[in-house]
């Protein structure tokens, strides 16, 4: 079994930010945030002796997850859930729902 852990950072779209912050600093920010988000999962895998590949990406979250699932020929995608209520889901949409629509892989949500 190949295990891949992925964090997707939402891109900084503001031209104002990009005017005052160098591209390298933004890339550093993406990397630091992605590594921090994956730290607990990677630590658990390390303790369990499970080999894995870590991926850090920037983009539309659901599209990027689906892209990696397709690229890696994933049979299953396991993702965390924020556990939002039905009203928030209806108003804001759901990354998990979008991933389900964009990939043929089984999707498991973990709360």
PDB file of N, CA and C in Angstrom:
ATOM      1  N   UNK A   1       0.842  -1.168   0.000  1.00  0.00           N
ATOM      2  CA  UNK A   1       0.000   0.000   0.000  1.00  0.00           C
ATOM      3  C   UNK A   1       0.892   1.237   0.000  1.00  0.00           C
ATOM      4  N   UNK A   2       0.599   2.155  -0.891  1.00  0.00           N
ATOM      5  CA  UNK A   2       1.288   3.449  -0.927  1.00  0.00           C
ATOM      6  C   UNK A   2       0.432   4.457  -0.184  1.00  0.00           C
ATOM      7  N   UNK A   3       1.040   5.144   0.775  1.00  0.00           N
ATOM      8  CA  UNK A   3       0.338   6.171   1.530  1.00  0.00           C
ATOM      9  C   UNK A   3       0.906   7.527   1.122  1.00  0.00           C
ATOM     10  N   UNK A   4       0.012   8.432   0.798  1.00  0.00           N
ATOM     11  CA  UNK A   4       0.399   9.790   0.425  1.00  0.00           C
ATOM     12  C   UNK A   4      -0.370  10.739   1.331  1.00  0.00           C
ATOM     13  N   UNK A   5       0.328  11.703   1.904  1.00  0.00           N
ATOM     14  CA  UNK A   5      -0.346  12.740   2.687  1.00  0.00           C
ATOM     15  C   UNK A   5      -0.213  14.048   1.920  1.00  0.00           C
ATOM     16  N   UNK A   6      -1.308  14.772   1.857  1.00  0.00           N
ATOM     17  CA  UNK A   6      -1.369  15.973   1.030  1.00  0.00           C
ATOM     18  C   UNK A   6      -1.979  17.109   1.821  1.00  0.00           C
ATOM     19  N   UNK A   7      -1.379  18.271   1.731  1.00  0.00           N
ATOM     20  CA  UNK A   7      -1.996  19.493   2.230  1.00  0.00           C
ATOM     21  C   UNK A   7      -2.066  20.465   1.079  1.00  0.00           C
ATOM     22  N   UNK A   8      -3.224  21.107   0.943  1.00  0.00           N
ATOM     23  CA  UNK A   8      -3.433  22.089  -0.116  1.00  0.00           C
ATOM     24  C   UNK A   8      -3.672  23.444   0.532  1.00  0.00           C
ATOM     25  N   UNK A   9      -2.834  24.393   0.208  1.00  0.00           N
ATOM     26  CA  UNK A   9      -2.991  25.754   0.684  1.00  0.00           C
ATOM     27  C   UNK A   9      -3.774  26.562  -0.351  1.00  0.00           C
ATOM     28  N   UNK A  10      -4.664  27.404   0.141  1.00  0.00           N
ATOM     29  CA  UNK A  10      -5.428  28.290  -0.738  1.00  0.00           C
ATOM     30  C   UNK A  10      -4.491  29.406  -1.199  1.00  0.00           C
ATOM     31  N   UNK A  11      -4.426  29.677  -2.495  1.00  0.00           N
ATOM     32  CA  UNK A  11      -3.469  30.673  -2.994  1.00  0.00           C
ATOM     33  C   UNK A  11      -3.800  32.096  -2.541  1.00  0.00           C
ATOM     34  N   UNK A  12      -2.749  32.859  -2.330  1.00  0.00           N
ATOM     35  CA  UNK A  12      -2.907  34.283  -2.042  1.00  0.00           C
ATOM     36  C   UNK A  12      -3.229  34.953  -3.363  1.00  0.00           C
ATOM     37  N   UNK A  13      -4.438  35.431  -3.483  1.00  0.00           N
ATOM     38  CA  UNK A  13      -4.892  36.008  -4.753  1.00  0.00           C
ATOM     39  C   UNK A  13      -4.721  37.515  -4.809  1.00  0.00           C
ATOM     40  N   UNK A  14      -4.607  38.142  -3.664  1.00  0.00           N
ATOM     41  CA  UNK A  14      -4.588  39.599  -3.611  1.00  0.00           C
ATOM     42  C   UNK A  14      -3.336  40.181  -4.258  1.00  0.00           C
ATOM     43  N   UNK A  15      -3.560  41.055  -5.216  1.00  0.00           N
ATOM     44  CA  UNK A  15      -2.440  41.759  -5.833  1.00  0.00           C
ATOM     45  C   UNK A  15      -1.746  42.672  -4.847  1.00  0.00           C
ATOM     46  N   UNK A  16      -2.494  43.148  -3.857  1.00  0.00           N
ATOM     47  CA  UNK A  16      -1.902  44.014  -2.840  1.00  0.00           C
ATOM     48  C   UNK A  16      -0.853  43.267  -2.030  1.00  0.00           C
ATOM     49  N   UNK A  17      -1.154  42.041  -1.647  1.00  0.00           N
ATOM     50  CA  UNK A  17      -0.186  41.240  -0.905  1.00  0.00           C
ATOM     51  C   UNK A  17       1.049  41.019  -1.764  1.00  0.00           C
ATOM     52  N   UNK A  18       0.842  40.646  -2.997  1.00  0.00           N
ATOM     53  CA  UNK A  18       1.962  40.350  -3.886  1.00  0.00           C
ATOM     54  C   UNK A  18       2.805  41.586  -4.206  1.00  0.00           C
ATOM     55  N   UNK A  19       2.206  42.770  -4.066  1.00  0.00           N
ATOM     56  CA  UNK A  19       2.973  44.001  -4.287  1.00  0.00           C
ATOM     57  C   UNK A  19       3.991  44.231  -3.172  1.00  0.00           C
ATOM     58  N   UNK A  20       3.651  43.796  -1.963  1.00  0.00           N
ATOM     59  CA  UNK A  20       4.476  44.111  -0.803  1.00  0.00           C
ATOM     60  C   UNK A  20       5.236  42.920  -0.228  1.00  0.00           C
ATOM     61  N   UNK A  21       4.896  41.718  -0.663  1.00  0.00           N
ATOM     62  CA  UNK A  21       5.534  40.516  -0.138  1.00  0.00           C
ATOM     63  C   UNK A  21       6.168  39.765  -1.304  1.00  0.00           C
ATOM     64  N   UNK A  22       7.439  39.439  -1.154  1.00  0.00           N
ATOM     65  CA  UNK A  22       8.156  38.740  -2.231  1.00  0.00           C
ATOM     66  C   UNK A  22       7.610  37.341  -2.440  1.00  0.00           C
ATOM     67  N   UNK A  23       7.712  36.877  -3.666  1.00  0.00           N
ATOM     68  CA  UNK A  23       7.213  35.547  -4.029  1.00  0.00           C
ATOM     69  C   UNK A  23       7.843  34.461  -3.164  1.00  0.00           C
ATOM     70  N   UNK A  24       9.136  34.579  -2.867  1.00  0.00           N
ATOM     71  CA  UNK A  24       9.804  33.580  -2.025  1.00  0.00           C
ATOM     72  C   UNK A  24       9.185  33.521  -0.631  1.00  0.00           C
ATOM     73  N   UNK A  25       8.803  34.669  -0.091  1.00  0.00           N
ATOM     74  CA  UNK A  25       8.187  34.723   1.237  1.00  0.00           C
ATOM     75  C   UNK A  25       6.814  34.053   1.211  1.00  0.00           C
ATOM     76  N   UNK A  26       6.077  34.249   0.130  1.00  0.00           N
ATOM     77  CA  UNK A  26       4.762  33.608   0.003  1.00  0.00           C
ATOM     78  C   UNK A  26       4.933  32.097  -0.110  1.00  0.00           C
ATOM     79  N   UNK A  27       5.891  31.664  -0.910  1.00  0.00           N
ATOM     80  CA  UNK A  27       6.155  30.230  -1.047  1.00  0.00           C
ATOM     81  C   UNK A  27       6.586  29.628   0.288  1.00  0.00           C
ATOM     82  N   UNK A  28       7.402  30.348   1.036  1.00  0.00           N
ATOM     83  CA  UNK A  28       7.812  29.918   2.375  1.00  0.00           C
ATOM     84  C   UNK A  28       6.598  29.752   3.284  1.00  0.00           C
ATOM     85  N   UNK A  29       5.703  30.720   3.199  1.00  0.00           N
ATOM     86  CA  UNK A  29       4.477  30.668   4.000  1.00  0.00           C
ATOM     87  C   UNK A  29       3.678  29.414   3.657  1.00  0.00           C
ATOM     88  N   UNK A  30       3.468  29.143   2.370  1.00  0.00           N
ATOM     89  CA  UNK A  30       2.732  27.953   1.952  1.00  0.00           C
ATOM     90  C   UNK A  30       3.390  26.697   2.519  1.00  0.00           C
ATOM     91  N   UNK A  31       4.705  26.626   2.402  1.00  0.00           N
ATOM     92  CA  UNK A  31       5.446  25.439   2.876  1.00  0.00           C
ATOM     93  C   UNK A  31       5.305  25.270   4.378  1.00  0.00           C
ATOM     94  N   UNK A  32       5.509  26.342   5.134  1.00  0.00           N
ATOM     95  CA  UNK A  32       5.414  26.261   6.594  1.00  0.00           C
ATOM     96  C   UNK A  32       4.008  25.862   7.044  1.00  0.00           C
ATOM     97  N   UNK A  33       3.010  26.470   6.445  1.00  0.00           N
ATOM     98  CA  UNK A  33       1.623  26.141   6.804  1.00  0.00           C
ATOM     99  C   UNK A  33       1.288  24.695   6.439  1.00  0.00           C
ATOM    100  N   UNK A  34       1.731  24.258   5.269  1.00  0.00           N
ATOM    101  CA  UNK A  34       1.473  22.888   4.843  1.00  0.00           C
ATOM    102  C   UNK A  34       2.148  21.869   5.743  1.00  0.00           C
ATOM    103  N   UNK A  35       3.413  22.121   6.082  1.00  0.00           N
ATOM    104  CA  UNK A  35       4.135  21.207   6.967  1.00  0.00           C
ATOM    105  C   UNK A  35       3.487  21.159   8.349  1.00  0.00           C
ATOM    106  N   UNK A  36       3.067  22.311   8.846  1.00  0.00           N
ATOM    107  CA  UNK A  36       2.409  22.355  10.159  1.00  0.00           C
ATOM    108  C   UNK A  36       1.100  21.566  10.133  1.00  0.00           C
ATOM    109  N   UNK A  37       0.346  21.709   9.055  1.00  0.00           N
ATOM    110  CA  UNK A  37      -0.933  21.009   8.941  1.00  0.00           C
ATOM    111  C   UNK A  37      -0.753  19.491   8.875  1.00  0.00           C
ATOM    112  N   UNK A  38       0.349  19.047   8.289  1.00  0.00           N
ATOM    113  CA  UNK A  38       0.598  17.611   8.137  1.00  0.00           C
ATOM    114  C   UNK A  38       1.389  17.004   9.288  1.00  0.00           C
ATOM    115  N   UNK A  39       1.889  17.819  10.192  1.00  0.00           N
ATOM    116  CA  UNK A  39       2.806  17.349  11.242  1.00  0.00           C
ATOM    117  C   UNK A  39       2.236  16.193  12.055  1.00  0.00           C
ATOM    118  N   UNK A  40       1.012  16.327  12.533  1.00  0.00           N
ATOM    119  CA  UNK A  40       0.439  15.281  13.381  1.00  0.00           C
ATOM    120  C   UNK A  40       0.255  13.972  12.612  1.00  0.00           C
ATOM    121  N   UNK A  41      -0.276  14.056  11.402  1.00  0.00           N
ATOM    122  CA  UNK A  41      -0.490  12.848  10.601  1.00  0.00           C
ATOM    123  C   UNK A  41       0.840  12.161  10.303  1.00  0.00           C
ATOM    124  N   UNK A  42       1.852  12.941   9.934  1.00  0.00           N
ATOM    125  CA  UNK A  42       3.161  12.371   9.626  1.00  0.00           C
ATOM    126  C   UNK A  42       3.790  11.752  10.872  1.00  0.00           C
ATOM    127  N   UNK A  43       3.630  12.394  12.014  1.00  0.00           N
ATOM    128  CA  UNK A  43       4.172  11.852  13.266  1.00  0.00           C
ATOM    129  C   UNK A  43       3.512  10.517  13.602  1.00  0.00           C
ATOM    130  N   UNK A  44       2.217  10.422  13.411  1.00  0.00           N
ATOM    131  CA  UNK A  44       1.515   9.156  13.676  1.00  0.00           C
ATOM    132  C   UNK A  44       1.985   8.052  12.732  1.00  0.00           C
ATOM    133  N   UNK A  45       2.138   8.401  11.470  1.00  0.00           N
ATOM    134  CA  UNK A  45       2.631   7.412  10.514  1.00  0.00           C
ATOM    135  C   UNK A  45       4.059   6.983  10.862  1.00  0.00           C
ATOM    136  N   UNK A  46       4.886   7.938  11.250  1.00  0.00           N
ATOM    137  CA  UNK A  46       6.261   7.618  11.659  1.00  0.00           C
ATOM    138  C   UNK A  46       6.262   6.652  12.845  1.00  0.00           C
ATOM    139  N   UNK A  47       5.449   6.955  13.858  1.00  0.00           N
ATOM    140  CA  UNK A  47       5.390   6.091  15.057  1.00  0.00           C
ATOM    141  C   UNK A  47       4.904   4.683  14.716  1.00  0.00           C
ATOM    142  N   UNK A  48       4.018   4.593  13.739  1.00  0.00           N
ATOM    143  CA  UNK A  48       3.476   3.294  13.332  1.00  0.00           C
ATOM    144  C   UNK A  48       4.403   2.563  12.360  1.00  0.00           C
ATOM    145  N   UNK A  49       5.461   3.237  11.921  1.00  0.00           N
ATOM    146  CA  UNK A  49       6.392   2.620  10.981  1.00  0.00           C
ATOM    147  C   UNK A  49       5.842   2.514   9.565  1.00  0.00           C
ATOM    148  N   UNK A  50       4.893   3.373   9.235  1.00  0.00           N
ATOM    149  CA  UNK A  50       4.289   3.361   7.900  1.00  0.00           C
ATOM    150  C   UNK A  50       5.040   4.347   7.010  1.00  0.00           C
ATOM    151  N   UNK A  51       5.505   3.857   5.877  1.00  0.00           N
ATOM    152  CA  UNK A  51       6.187   4.737   4.925  1.00  0.00           C
ATOM    153  C   UNK A  51       5.133   5.531   4.155  1.00  0.00           C
ATOM    154  N   UNK A  52       5.468   6.760   3.851  1.00  0.00           N
ATOM    155  CA  UNK A  52       4.531   7.630   3.154  1.00  0.00           C
ATOM    156  C   UNK A  52       5.305   8.657   2.334  1.00  0.00           C
ATOM    157  N   UNK A  53       4.587   9.288   1.434  1.00  0.00           N
ATOM    158  CA  UNK A  53       5.128  10.392   0.653  1.00  0.00           C
ATOM    159  C   UNK A  53       4.309  11.620   0.995  1.00  0.00           C
ATOM    160  N   UNK A  54       5.001  12.707   1.301  1.00  0.00           N
ATOM    161  CA  UNK A  54       4.336  13.955   1.669  1.00  0.00           C
ATOM    162  C   UNK A  54       4.262  14.853   0.445  1.00  0.00           C
ATOM    163  N   UNK A  55       3.100  15.490   0.268  1.00  0.00           N
ATOM    164  CA  UNK A  55       2.888  16.411  -0.844  1.00  0.00           C
ATOM    165  C   UNK A  55       2.346  17.729  -0.303  1.00  0.00           C
ATOM    166  N   UNK A  56       2.906  18.818  -0.767  1.00  0.00           N
ATOM    167  CA  UNK A  56       2.413  20.154  -0.438  1.00  0.00           C
ATOM    168  C   UNK A  56       2.007  20.811  -1.751  1.00  0.00           C
ATOM    169  N   UNK A  57       0.816  21.386  -1.768  1.00  0.00           N
ATOM    170  CA  UNK A  57       0.323  21.988  -3.000  1.00  0.00           C
ATOM    171  C   UNK A  57      -0.395  23.294  -2.684  1.00  0.00           C
ATOM    172  N   UNK A  58      -0.564  24.089  -3.712  1.00  0.00           N
ATOM    173  CA  UNK A  58      -1.300  25.350  -3.617  1.00  0.00           C
ATOM    174  C   UNK A  58      -2.323  25.352  -4.741  1.00  0.00           C
ATOM    175  N   UNK A  59      -3.575  25.656  -4.415  1.00  0.00           N
ATOM    176  CA  UNK A  59      -4.595  25.709  -5.450  1.00  0.00           C
ATOM    177  C   UNK A  59      -5.979  25.579  -4.873  1.00  0.00           C
ATOM    178  N   UNK A  60      -6.946  25.410  -5.756  1.00  0.00           N
ATOM    179  CA  UNK A  60      -8.322  25.137  -5.335  1.00  0.00           C
ATOM    180  C   UNK A  60      -8.304  23.775  -4.656  1.00  0.00           C
ATOM    181  N   UNK A  61      -8.791  23.702  -3.427  1.00  0.00           N
ATOM    182  CA  UNK A  61      -8.587  22.515  -2.597  1.00  0.00           C
ATOM    183  C   UNK A  61      -9.166  21.256  -3.231  1.00  0.00           C
ATOM    184  N   UNK A  62     -10.441  21.247  -3.569  1.00  0.00           N
ATOM    185  CA  UNK A  62     -11.062  20.036  -4.103  1.00  0.00           C
ATOM    186  C   UNK A  62     -10.449  19.631  -5.444  1.00  0.00           C
ATOM    187  N   UNK A  63     -10.214  20.598  -6.316  1.00  0.00           N
ATOM    188  CA  UNK A  63      -9.589  20.291  -7.610  1.00  0.00           C
ATOM    189  C   UNK A  63      -8.210  19.675  -7.419  1.00  0.00           C
ATOM    190  N   UNK A  64      -7.455  20.219  -6.484  1.00  0.00           N
ATOM    191  CA  UNK A  64      -6.090  19.740  -6.269  1.00  0.00           C
ATOM    192  C   UNK A  64      -6.088  18.335  -5.673  1.00  0.00           C
ATOM    193  N   UNK A  65      -6.967  18.087  -4.714  1.00  0.00           N
ATOM    194  CA  UNK A  65      -7.068  16.738  -4.140  1.00  0.00           C
ATOM    195  C   UNK A  65      -7.460  15.741  -5.226  1.00  0.00           C
ATOM    196  N   UNK A  66      -8.446  16.086  -6.032  1.00  0.00           N
ATOM    197  CA  UNK A  66      -8.879  15.196  -7.114  1.00  0.00           C
ATOM    198  C   UNK A  66      -7.755  14.972  -8.121  1.00  0.00           C
ATOM    199  N   UNK A  67      -7.001  16.032  -8.423  1.00  0.00           N
ATOM    200  CA  UNK A  67      -5.871  15.910  -9.348  1.00  0.00           C
ATOM    201  C   UNK A  67      -4.848  14.908  -8.810  1.00  0.00           C
ATOM    202  N   UNK A  68      -4.492  15.032  -7.539  1.00  0.00           N
ATOM    203  CA  UNK A  68      -3.527  14.095  -6.949  1.00  0.00           C
ATOM    204  C   UNK A  68      -4.090  12.686  -6.911  1.00  0.00           C
ATOM    205  N   UNK A  69      -5.369  12.538  -6.589  1.00  0.00           N
ATOM    206  CA  UNK A  69      -5.984  11.205  -6.560  1.00  0.00           C
ATOM    207  C   UNK A  69      -5.893  10.538  -7.930  1.00  0.00           C
ATOM    208  N   UNK A  70      -6.149  11.307  -8.969  1.00  0.00           N
ATOM    209  CA  UNK A  70      -6.065  10.777 -10.331  1.00  0.00           C
ATOM    210  C   UNK A  70      -4.621  10.486 -10.710  1.00  0.00           C
ATOM    211  N   UNK A  71      -3.740  11.454 -10.468  1.00  0.00           N
ATOM    212  CA  UNK A  71      -2.318  11.320 -10.815  1.00  0.00           C
ATOM    213  C   UNK A  71      -1.684  10.110 -10.125  1.00  0.00           C
ATOM    214  N   UNK A  72      -2.078   9.869  -8.874  1.00  0.00           N
ATOM    215  CA  UNK A  72      -1.494   8.771  -8.099  1.00  0.00           C
ATOM    216  C   UNK A  72      -2.290   7.479  -8.230  1.00  0.00           C
ATOM    217  N   UNK A  73      -3.348   7.502  -9.035  1.00  0.00           N
ATOM    218  CA  UNK A  73      -4.226   6.342  -9.219  1.00  0.00           C
ATOM    219  C   UNK A  73      -4.712   5.820  -7.870  1.00  0.00           C
ATOM    220  N   UNK A  74      -5.139   6.750  -7.014  1.00  0.00           N
ATOM    221  CA  UNK A  74      -5.584   6.397  -5.668  1.00  0.00           C
ATOM    222  C   UNK A  74      -6.887   5.615  -5.728  1.00  0.00           C
ATOM    223  N   UNK A  75      -6.953   4.574  -4.919  1.00  0.00           N
ATOM    224  CA  UNK A  75      -8.187   3.812  -4.788  1.00  0.00           C
ATOM    225  C   UNK A  75      -9.066   4.414  -3.706  1.00  0.00           C
ATOM    226  N   UNK A  76      -8.432   5.116  -2.758  1.00  0.00           N
ATOM    227  CA  UNK A  76      -9.174   5.711  -1.664  1.00  0.00           C
ATOM    228  C   UNK A  76      -8.559   7.037  -1.262  1.00  0.00           C
ATOM    229  N   UNK A  77      -9.417   7.993  -0.947  1.00  0.00           N
ATOM    230  CA  UNK A  77      -9.006   9.284  -0.423  1.00  0.00           C
ATOM    231  C   UNK A  77      -9.579   9.377   0.987  1.00  0.00           C
ATOM    232  N   UNK A  78      -8.718   9.629   1.967  1.00  0.00           N
ATOM    233  CA  UNK A  78      -9.161   9.809   3.347  1.00  0.00           C
ATOM    234  C   UNK A  78      -8.900  11.255   3.696  1.00  0.00           C
ATOM    235  N   UNK A  79      -9.944  11.955   4.139  1.00  0.00           N
ATOM    236  CA  UNK A  79      -9.793  13.371   4.441  1.00  0.00           C
ATOM    237  C   UNK A  79     -10.475  13.716   5.750  1.00  0.00           C
ATOM    238  N   UNK A  80      -9.928  14.747   6.390  1.00  0.00           N
ATOM    239  CA  UNK A  80     -10.538  15.253   7.604  1.00  0.00           C
ATOM    240  C   UNK A  80     -11.772  16.058   7.278  1.00  0.00           C
ATOM    241  N   UNK A  81     -12.696  16.087   8.228  1.00  0.00           N
ATOM    242  CA  UNK A  81     -13.932  16.845   8.060  1.00  0.00           C
ATOM    243  C   UNK A  81     -14.007  17.894   9.164  1.00  0.00           C
ATOM    244  N   UNK A  82     -14.471  19.063   8.799  1.00  0.00           N
ATOM    245  CA  UNK A  82     -14.654  20.115   9.803  1.00  0.00           C
ATOM    246  C   UNK A  82     -15.938  19.891  10.587  1.00  0.00           C
ATOM    247  N   UNK A  83     -16.801  19.008  10.117  1.00  0.00           N
ATOM    248  CA  UNK A  83     -18.032  18.716  10.823  1.00  0.00           C
ATOM    249  C   UNK A  83     -19.027  19.859  10.845  1.00  0.00           C
ATOM    250  N   UNK A  84     -19.065  20.627   9.802  1.00  0.00           N
ATOM    251  CA  UNK A  84     -20.009  21.749   9.746  1.00  0.00           C
ATOM    252  C   UNK A  84     -21.436  21.226   9.645  1.00  0.00           C
ATOM    253  N   UNK A  85     -22.364  22.008  10.136  1.00  0.00           N
ATOM    254  CA  UNK A  85     -23.768  21.629  10.098  1.00  0.00           C
ATOM    255  C   UNK A  85     -24.350  21.736   8.702  1.00  0.00           C
ATOM    256  N   UNK A  86     -25.585  21.283   8.561  1.00  0.00           N
ATOM    257  CA  UNK A  86     -26.255  21.248   7.262  1.00  0.00           C
ATOM    258  C   UNK A  86     -26.423  22.642   6.665  1.00  0.00           C
ATOM    259  N   UNK A  87     -26.747  23.618   7.496  1.00  0.00           N
ATOM    260  CA  UNK A  87     -26.944  24.981   6.987  1.00  0.00           C
ATOM    261  C   UNK A  87     -25.641  25.543   6.434  1.00  0.00           C
ATOM    262  N   UNK A  88     -24.552  25.414   7.177  1.00  0.00           N
ATOM    263  CA  UNK A  88     -23.262  25.907   6.682  1.00  0.00           C
ATOM    264  C   UNK A  88     -22.861  25.158   5.419  1.00  0.00           C
ATOM    265  N   UNK A  89     -23.130  23.852   5.376  1.00  0.00           N
ATOM    266  CA  UNK A  89     -22.802  23.077   4.178  1.00  0.00           C
ATOM    267  C   UNK A  89     -23.585  23.610   2.976  1.00  0.00           C
ATOM    268  N   UNK A  90     -24.867  23.881   3.181  1.00  0.00           N
ATOM    269  CA  UNK A  90     -25.700  24.372   2.082  1.00  0.00           C
ATOM    270  C   UNK A  90     -25.232  25.736   1.598  1.00  0.00           C
ATOM    271  N   UNK A  91     -24.799  26.589   2.522  1.00  0.00           N
ATOM    272  CA  UNK A  91     -24.370  27.931   2.154  1.00  0.00           C
ATOM    273  C   UNK A  91     -22.950  27.962   1.590  1.00  0.00           C
ATOM    274  N   UNK A  92     -22.059  27.164   2.161  1.00  0.00           N
ATOM    275  CA  UNK A  92     -20.639  27.253   1.822  1.00  0.00           C
ATOM    276  C   UNK A  92     -20.166  26.142   0.894  1.00  0.00           C
ATOM    277  N   UNK A  93     -20.935  25.078   0.764  1.00  0.00           N
ATOM    278  CA  UNK A  93     -20.469  23.946  -0.013  1.00  0.00           C
ATOM    279  C   UNK A  93     -19.547  23.097   0.824  1.00  0.00           C
ATOM    280  N   UNK A  94     -18.999  22.089   0.261  1.00  0.00           N
ATOM    281  CA  UNK A  94     -18.150  21.174   1.006  1.00  0.00           C
ATOM    282  C   UNK A  94     -17.021  20.679   0.121  1.00  0.00           C
ATOM    283  N   UNK A  95     -15.815  20.766   0.630  1.00  0.00           N
ATOM    284  CA  UNK A  95     -14.664  20.240  -0.109  1.00  0.00           C
ATOM    285  C   UNK A  95     -14.869  18.747  -0.352  1.00  0.00           C
ATOM    286  N   UNK A  96     -15.340  18.036   0.671  1.00  0.00           N
ATOM    287  CA  UNK A  96     -15.539  16.590   0.521  1.00  0.00           C
ATOM    288  C   UNK A  96     -16.532  16.279  -0.600  1.00  0.00           C
ATOM    289  N   UNK A  97     -17.629  17.015  -0.648  1.00  0.00           N
ATOM    290  CA  UNK A  97     -18.619  16.807  -1.708  1.00  0.00           C
ATOM    291  C   UNK A  97     -18.004  17.095  -3.073  1.00  0.00           C
ATOM    292  N   UNK A  98     -17.225  18.153  -3.153  1.00  0.00           N
ATOM    293  CA  UNK A  98     -16.570  18.486  -4.421  1.00  0.00           C
ATOM    294  C   UNK A  98     -15.564  17.413  -4.829  1.00  0.00           C
ATOM    295  N   UNK A  99     -14.833  16.857  -3.865  1.00  0.00           N
ATOM    296  CA  UNK A  99     -13.878  15.784  -4.177  1.00  0.00           C
ATOM    297  C   UNK A  99     -14.639  14.560  -4.682  1.00  0.00           C
ATOM    298  N   UNK A 100     -15.752  14.226  -4.032  1.00  0.00           N
ATOM    299  CA  UNK A 100     -16.579  13.095  -4.480  1.00  0.00           C
ATOM    300  C   UNK A 100     -17.002  13.251  -5.938  1.00  0.00           C
ATOM    301  N   UNK A 101     -17.336  14.459  -6.323  1.00  0.00           N
ATOM    302  CA  UNK A 101     -17.776  14.732  -7.699  1.00  0.00           C
ATOM    303  C   UNK A 101     -16.630  14.638  -8.704  1.00  0.00           C
ATOM    304  N   UNK A 102     -15.421  14.888  -8.240  1.00  0.00           N
ATOM    305  CA  UNK A 102     -14.283  15.020  -9.165  1.00  0.00           C
ATOM    306  C   UNK A 102     -13.392  13.777  -9.255  1.00  0.00           C
ATOM    307  N   UNK A 103     -13.643  12.763  -8.446  1.00  0.00           N
ATOM    308  CA  UNK A 103     -12.776  11.582  -8.488  1.00  0.00           C
ATOM    309  C   UNK A 103     -13.601  10.308  -8.452  1.00  0.00           C
ATOM    310  N   UNK A 104     -13.028   9.253  -8.979  1.00  0.00           N
ATOM    311  CA  UNK A 104     -13.678   7.942  -8.934  1.00  0.00           C
ATOM    312  C   UNK A 104     -13.248   7.150  -7.709  1.00  0.00           C
ATOM    313  N   UNK A 105     -12.281   7.654  -6.959  1.00  0.00           N
ATOM    314  CA  UNK A 105     -11.782   6.960  -5.775  1.00  0.00           C
ATOM    315  C   UNK A 105     -12.831   7.001  -4.663  1.00  0.00           C
ATOM    316  N   UNK A 106     -12.811   5.997  -3.806  1.00  0.00           N
ATOM    317  CA  UNK A 106     -13.658   6.019  -2.608  1.00  0.00           C
ATOM    318  C   UNK A 106     -13.170   7.149  -1.717  1.00  0.00           C
ATOM    319  N   UNK A 107     -14.090   7.869  -1.083  1.00  0.00           N
ATOM    320  CA  UNK A 107     -13.734   8.975  -0.204  1.00  0.00           C
ATOM    321  C   UNK A 107     -14.231   8.673   1.191  1.00  0.00           C
ATOM    322  N   UNK A 108     -13.320   8.687   2.161  1.00  0.00           N
ATOM    323  CA  UNK A 108     -13.647   8.462   3.562  1.00  0.00           C
ATOM    324  C   UNK A 108     -13.392   9.734   4.334  1.00  0.00           C
ATOM    325  N   UNK A 109     -14.381  10.165   5.115  1.00  0.00           N
ATOM    326  CA  UNK A 109     -14.226  11.360   5.935  1.00  0.00           C
ATOM    327  C   UNK A 109     -13.958  10.948   7.374  1.00  0.00           C
ATOM    328  N   UNK A 110     -12.997  11.620   7.987  1.00  0.00           N
ATOM    329  CA  UNK A 110     -12.655  11.372   9.377  1.00  0.00           C
ATOM    330  C   UNK A 110     -12.875  12.656  10.137  1.00  0.00           C
ATOM    331  N   UNK A 111     -13.597  12.580  11.201  1.00  0.00           N
ATOM    332  CA  UNK A 111     -13.880  13.780  11.999  1.00  0.00           C
ATOM    333  C   UNK A 111     -12.882  13.925  13.101  1.00  0.00           C
TER     334      UNK A 111
END
